Amino acid sequence: MDAIILAGGKGTRLKPLTDHVPKPLIPINSKPLIEWQIRYLKKFGIKNIVICTGYKSKQIEGYLERKANFGSKIKFSIEKKPLGTGGAIKKAAKMIQ
């Protein structure tokens, strides 16, 4: 089973925290939000994940590379321009097995 994580938004409601860090990398109890999500998915046996990114996507990719993707197979669906929720899912659906 595969999962899609939507991580492409700018997080405008969380400003100024998101001025330099994308929302998925904001720490909650010393771990970035995206780490909590990936660990939760792994807990239920989901190891193939497509992450939809846009805003500051290189930071997200870099963090996950440093953490060896937490043992998951992660692919990135990168939006050049914001596609919205439906557009992001439609684009990422092509990467689902």
N, C-alpha and C. Protein backbone atom coordinates (compact mmCIF):
# COMPACT_ATOMS: atom_id res chain seq x y z
N MET A 1 0.84 -1.18 0.00
CA MET A 1 0.00 0.00 0.00
C MET A 1 0.89 1.24 0.00
N ASP A 2 0.46 2.25 -0.73
CA ASP A 2 1.19 3.51 -0.82
C ASP A 2 0.41 4.62 -0.10
N ALA A 3 1.09 5.69 0.19
CA ALA A 3 0.47 6.86 0.81
C ALA A 3 0.98 8.12 0.13
N ILE A 4 0.16 9.16 0.19
CA ILE A 4 0.54 10.48 -0.31
C ILE A 4 0.52 11.44 0.88
N ILE A 5 1.60 12.20 1.02
CA ILE A 5 1.66 13.26 2.03
C ILE A 5 1.67 14.59 1.29
N LEU A 6 0.71 15.43 1.60
CA LEU A 6 0.66 16.77 0.99
C LEU A 6 1.54 17.70 1.82
N ALA A 7 2.60 18.20 1.19
CA ALA A 7 3.57 19.03 1.90
C ALA A 7 4.01 20.22 1.06
N GLY A 8 3.11 20.72 0.21
CA GLY A 8 3.52 21.76 -0.73
C GLY A 8 3.10 23.16 -0.38
N GLY A 9 2.29 23.32 0.67
CA GLY A 9 1.78 24.64 1.00
C GLY A 9 2.83 25.54 1.64
N LYS A 10 2.53 26.83 1.63
CA LYS A 10 3.47 27.81 2.19
C LYS A 10 3.32 27.97 3.70
N GLY A 11 2.25 27.48 4.28
CA GLY A 11 2.07 27.59 5.72
C GLY A 11 1.91 29.02 6.17
N THR A 12 1.12 29.80 5.43
CA THR A 12 0.99 31.23 5.73
C THR A 12 0.40 31.50 7.11
N ARG A 13 -0.42 30.62 7.63
CA ARG A 13 -0.99 30.84 8.97
C ARG A 13 0.03 30.61 10.07
N LEU A 14 1.16 30.02 9.72
CA LEU A 14 2.19 29.77 10.72
C LEU A 14 3.35 30.76 10.64
N LYS A 15 3.19 31.81 9.85
CA LYS A 15 4.24 32.82 9.77
C LYS A 15 4.43 33.44 11.14
N PRO A 16 5.60 33.77 11.56
CA PRO A 16 6.86 33.84 10.85
C PRO A 16 7.65 32.52 10.87
N LEU A 17 7.11 31.46 11.49
CA LEU A 17 7.85 30.19 11.53
C LEU A 17 8.19 29.66 10.14
N THR A 18 7.31 29.89 9.18
CA THR A 18 7.51 29.33 7.84
C THR A 18 8.24 30.27 6.89
N ASP A 19 8.76 31.36 7.39
CA ASP A 19 9.53 32.25 6.52
C ASP A 19 10.81 31.59 6.03
N HIS A 20 11.42 30.77 6.86
CA HIS A 20 12.70 30.15 6.52
C HIS A 20 12.65 28.62 6.49
N VAL A 21 11.60 28.06 7.05
CA VAL A 21 11.46 26.60 7.13
C VAL A 21 10.08 26.21 6.60
N PRO A 22 9.99 25.20 5.73
CA PRO A 22 8.67 24.79 5.27
C PRO A 22 7.87 24.13 6.39
N LYS A 23 6.57 24.21 6.31
CA LYS A 23 5.69 23.69 7.35
C LYS A 23 6.01 22.25 7.75
N PRO A 24 6.31 21.33 6.82
CA PRO A 24 6.59 19.95 7.22
C PRO A 24 7.84 19.79 8.09
N LEU A 25 8.70 20.79 8.13
CA LEU A 25 9.92 20.71 8.93
C LEU A 25 9.82 21.46 10.26
N ILE A 26 8.66 22.02 10.56
CA ILE A 26 8.48 22.69 11.85
C ILE A 26 8.44 21.62 12.93
N PRO A 27 9.27 21.77 13.96
CA PRO A 27 9.34 20.73 15.00
C PRO A 27 8.14 20.73 15.94
N ILE A 28 7.71 19.52 16.27
CA ILE A 28 6.71 19.29 17.29
C ILE A 28 7.34 18.27 18.24
N ASN A 29 7.52 18.65 19.50
CA ASN A 29 8.23 17.79 20.46
C ASN A 29 9.58 17.35 19.90
N SER A 30 10.31 18.28 19.34
CA SER A 30 11.68 18.09 18.84
C SER A 30 11.80 17.26 17.57
N LYS A 31 10.69 16.92 16.92
CA LYS A 31 10.73 16.20 15.64
C LYS A 31 9.91 16.98 14.62
N PRO A 32 10.41 17.09 13.40
CA PRO A 32 9.62 17.76 12.37
C PRO A 32 8.31 17.02 12.09
N LEU A 33 7.31 17.77 11.74
CA LEU A 33 5.98 17.22 11.45
C LEU A 33 6.04 16.06 10.46
N ILE A 34 6.83 16.19 9.41
CA ILE A 34 6.89 15.15 8.39
C ILE A 34 7.46 13.85 8.96
N GLU A 35 8.36 13.95 9.92
CA GLU A 35 8.89 12.75 10.55
C GLU A 35 7.79 12.02 11.32
N TRP A 36 6.95 12.75 12.04
CA TRP A 36 5.82 12.14 12.74
C TRP A 36 4.91 11.41 11.75
N GLN A 37 4.65 12.05 10.61
CA GLN A 37 3.76 11.45 9.62
C GLN A 37 4.34 10.16 9.05
N ILE A 38 5.62 10.19 8.69
CA ILE A 38 6.25 9.00 8.10
C ILE A 38 6.31 7.87 9.12
N ARG A 39 6.66 8.17 10.35
CA ARG A 39 6.71 7.12 11.39
C ARG A 39 5.32 6.53 11.64
N TYR A 40 4.30 7.36 11.60
CA TYR A 40 2.93 6.88 11.79
C TYR A 40 2.52 5.93 10.65
N LEU A 41 2.84 6.31 9.42
CA LEU A 41 2.52 5.45 8.28
C LEU A 41 3.26 4.12 8.38
N LYS A 42 4.54 4.16 8.76
CA LYS A 42 5.33 2.94 8.91
C LYS A 42 4.74 2.02 9.98
N LYS A 43 4.20 2.61 11.03
CA LYS A 43 3.59 1.85 12.11
C LYS A 43 2.47 0.94 11.58
N PHE A 44 1.82 1.38 10.51
CA PHE A 44 0.73 0.61 9.92
C PHE A 44 1.15 -0.12 8.66
N GLY A 45 2.46 -0.27 8.47
CA GLY A 45 2.98 -1.08 7.37
C GLY A 45 3.09 -0.39 6.03
N ILE A 46 2.92 0.91 5.99
CA ILE A 46 3.03 1.65 4.73
C ILE A 46 4.48 2.11 4.58
N LYS A 47 5.13 1.63 3.53
CA LYS A 47 6.54 1.95 3.33
C LYS A 47 6.79 2.74 2.05
N ASN A 48 5.83 2.77 1.13
CA ASN A 48 5.97 3.52 -0.11
C ASN A 48 5.18 4.82 0.03
N ILE A 49 5.89 5.92 -0.04
CA ILE A 49 5.27 7.22 0.20
C ILE A 49 5.63 8.18 -0.92
N VAL A 50 4.62 8.90 -1.39
CA VAL A 50 4.83 9.99 -2.35
C VAL A 50 4.58 11.29 -1.59
N ILE A 51 5.55 12.17 -1.61
CA ILE A 51 5.41 13.45 -0.92
C ILE A 51 5.24 14.54 -1.97
N CYS A 52 4.13 15.24 -1.89
CA CYS A 52 3.84 16.36 -2.80
C CYS A 52 4.45 17.61 -2.18
N THR A 53 5.43 18.17 -2.87
CA THR A 53 6.10 19.35 -2.35
C THR A 53 6.05 20.49 -3.37
N GLY A 54 6.35 21.65 -2.90
CA GLY A 54 6.42 22.83 -3.75
C GLY A 54 7.29 23.86 -3.05
N TYR A 55 6.73 24.48 -2.03
CA TYR A 55 7.41 25.53 -1.28
C TYR A 55 8.59 24.94 -0.50
N LYS A 56 9.78 25.43 -0.78
CA LYS A 56 11.03 25.02 -0.12
C LYS A 56 11.22 23.49 -0.16
N SER A 57 10.93 22.91 -1.32
CA SER A 57 11.00 21.45 -1.46
C SER A 57 12.40 20.90 -1.25
N LYS A 58 13.42 21.66 -1.62
CA LYS A 58 14.80 21.19 -1.45
C LYS A 58 15.14 20.95 0.02
N GLN A 59 14.60 21.78 0.91
CA GLN A 59 14.85 21.60 2.34
C GLN A 59 14.22 20.29 2.83
N ILE A 60 13.03 20.00 2.36
CA ILE A 60 12.34 18.77 2.76
C ILE A 60 13.11 17.55 2.24
N GLU A 61 13.49 17.59 0.96
CA GLU A 61 14.25 16.49 0.38
C GLU A 61 15.58 16.30 1.11
N GLY A 62 16.27 17.38 1.40
CA GLY A 62 17.54 17.30 2.10
C GLY A 62 17.41 16.67 3.48
N TYR A 63 16.39 17.07 4.21
CA TYR A 63 16.17 16.50 5.55
C TYR A 63 15.93 15.00 5.46
N LEU A 64 15.07 14.58 4.55
CA LEU A 64 14.75 13.16 4.44
C LEU A 64 15.95 12.35 3.96
N GLU A 65 16.76 12.92 3.09
CA GLU A 65 17.97 12.23 2.64
C GLU A 65 18.94 12.02 3.81
N ARG A 66 19.09 13.05 4.65
CA ARG A 66 19.98 12.93 5.80
C ARG A 66 19.49 11.86 6.77
N LYS A 67 18.20 11.67 6.83
CA LYS A 67 17.62 10.68 7.73
C LYS A 67 17.39 9.34 7.03
N ALA A 68 17.93 9.18 5.84
CA ALA A 68 17.79 7.94 5.05
C ALA A 68 16.32 7.55 4.87
N ASN A 69 15.47 8.56 4.71
CA ASN A 69 14.04 8.37 4.46
C ASN A 69 13.35 7.53 5.53
N PHE A 70 13.98 7.39 6.69
CA PHE A 70 13.41 6.61 7.80
C PHE A 70 13.08 5.18 7.38
N GLY A 71 13.85 4.66 6.43
CA GLY A 71 13.65 3.29 5.99
C GLY A 71 12.47 3.11 5.06
N SER A 72 11.90 4.19 4.56
CA SER A 72 10.77 4.12 3.64
C SER A 72 11.24 4.40 2.22
N LYS A 73 10.45 3.96 1.26
CA LYS A 73 10.72 4.31 -0.14
C LYS A 73 9.92 5.58 -0.43
N ILE A 74 10.64 6.68 -0.58
CA ILE A 74 9.98 7.97 -0.76
C ILE A 74 10.26 8.50 -2.15
N LYS A 75 9.18 8.93 -2.81
CA LYS A 75 9.27 9.62 -4.09
C LYS A 75 8.71 11.02 -3.88
N PHE A 76 9.17 11.94 -4.70
CA PHE A 76 8.69 13.32 -4.60
C PHE A 76 7.94 13.72 -5.84
N SER A 77 6.78 14.32 -5.64
CA SER A 77 6.01 14.92 -6.71
C SER A 77 6.13 16.43 -6.47
N ILE A 78 6.96 17.08 -7.26
CA ILE A 78 7.29 18.49 -7.02
C ILE A 78 6.45 19.38 -7.93
N GLU A 79 5.75 20.32 -7.32
CA GLU A 79 4.92 21.27 -8.06
C GLU A 79 5.76 22.50 -8.41
N LYS A 80 5.85 22.80 -9.69
CA LYS A 80 6.56 24.01 -10.12
C LYS A 80 5.74 25.25 -9.76
N LYS A 81 4.42 25.13 -9.88
CA LYS A 81 3.52 26.18 -9.43
C LYS A 81 2.42 25.50 -8.62
N PRO A 82 1.84 26.18 -7.64
CA PRO A 82 0.84 25.55 -6.78
C PRO A 82 -0.34 24.98 -7.58
N LEU A 83 -0.67 23.73 -7.30
CA LEU A 83 -1.75 23.06 -8.00
C LEU A 83 -3.00 22.91 -7.14
N GLY A 84 -2.89 23.23 -5.86
CA GLY A 84 -4.01 23.01 -4.95
C GLY A 84 -4.06 21.55 -4.54
N THR A 85 -4.95 21.23 -3.62
CA THR A 85 -5.03 19.86 -3.09
C THR A 85 -5.35 18.85 -4.18
N GLY A 86 -6.40 19.10 -4.95
CA GLY A 86 -6.80 18.16 -6.00
C GLY A 86 -5.74 17.98 -7.07
N GLY A 87 -5.14 19.07 -7.48
CA GLY A 87 -4.10 19.01 -8.51
C GLY A 87 -2.86 18.26 -8.03
N ALA A 88 -2.50 18.46 -6.78
CA ALA A 88 -1.34 17.77 -6.22
C ALA A 88 -1.59 16.27 -6.15
N ILE A 89 -2.79 15.88 -5.73
CA ILE A 89 -3.12 14.46 -5.64
C ILE A 89 -3.16 13.83 -7.02
N LYS A 90 -3.75 14.54 -7.98
CA LYS A 90 -3.83 14.02 -9.36
C LYS A 90 -2.42 13.80 -9.94
N LYS A 91 -1.53 14.75 -9.71
CA LYS A 91 -0.15 14.63 -10.21
C LYS A 91 0.56 13.47 -9.51
N ALA A 92 0.40 13.35 -8.20
CA ALA A 92 1.08 12.29 -7.44
C ALA A 92 0.50 10.90 -7.73
N ALA A 93 -0.76 10.84 -8.13
CA ALA A 93 -1.41 9.54 -8.39
C ALA A 93 -0.68 8.76 -9.48
N LYS A 94 -0.01 9.47 -10.38
CA LYS A 94 0.74 8.80 -11.45
C LYS A 94 1.95 8.04 -10.88
N MET A 95 2.35 8.36 -9.68
CA MET A 95 3.52 7.73 -9.08
C MET A 95 3.17 6.56 -8.16
N ILE A 96 1.89 6.38 -7.94
CA ILE A 96 1.41 5.30 -7.06
C ILE A 96 1.43 3.99 -7.82
N GLN A 97 1.87 2.94 -7.16
CA GLN A 97 1.96 1.62 -7.82
C GLN A 97 0.63 0.90 -7.76
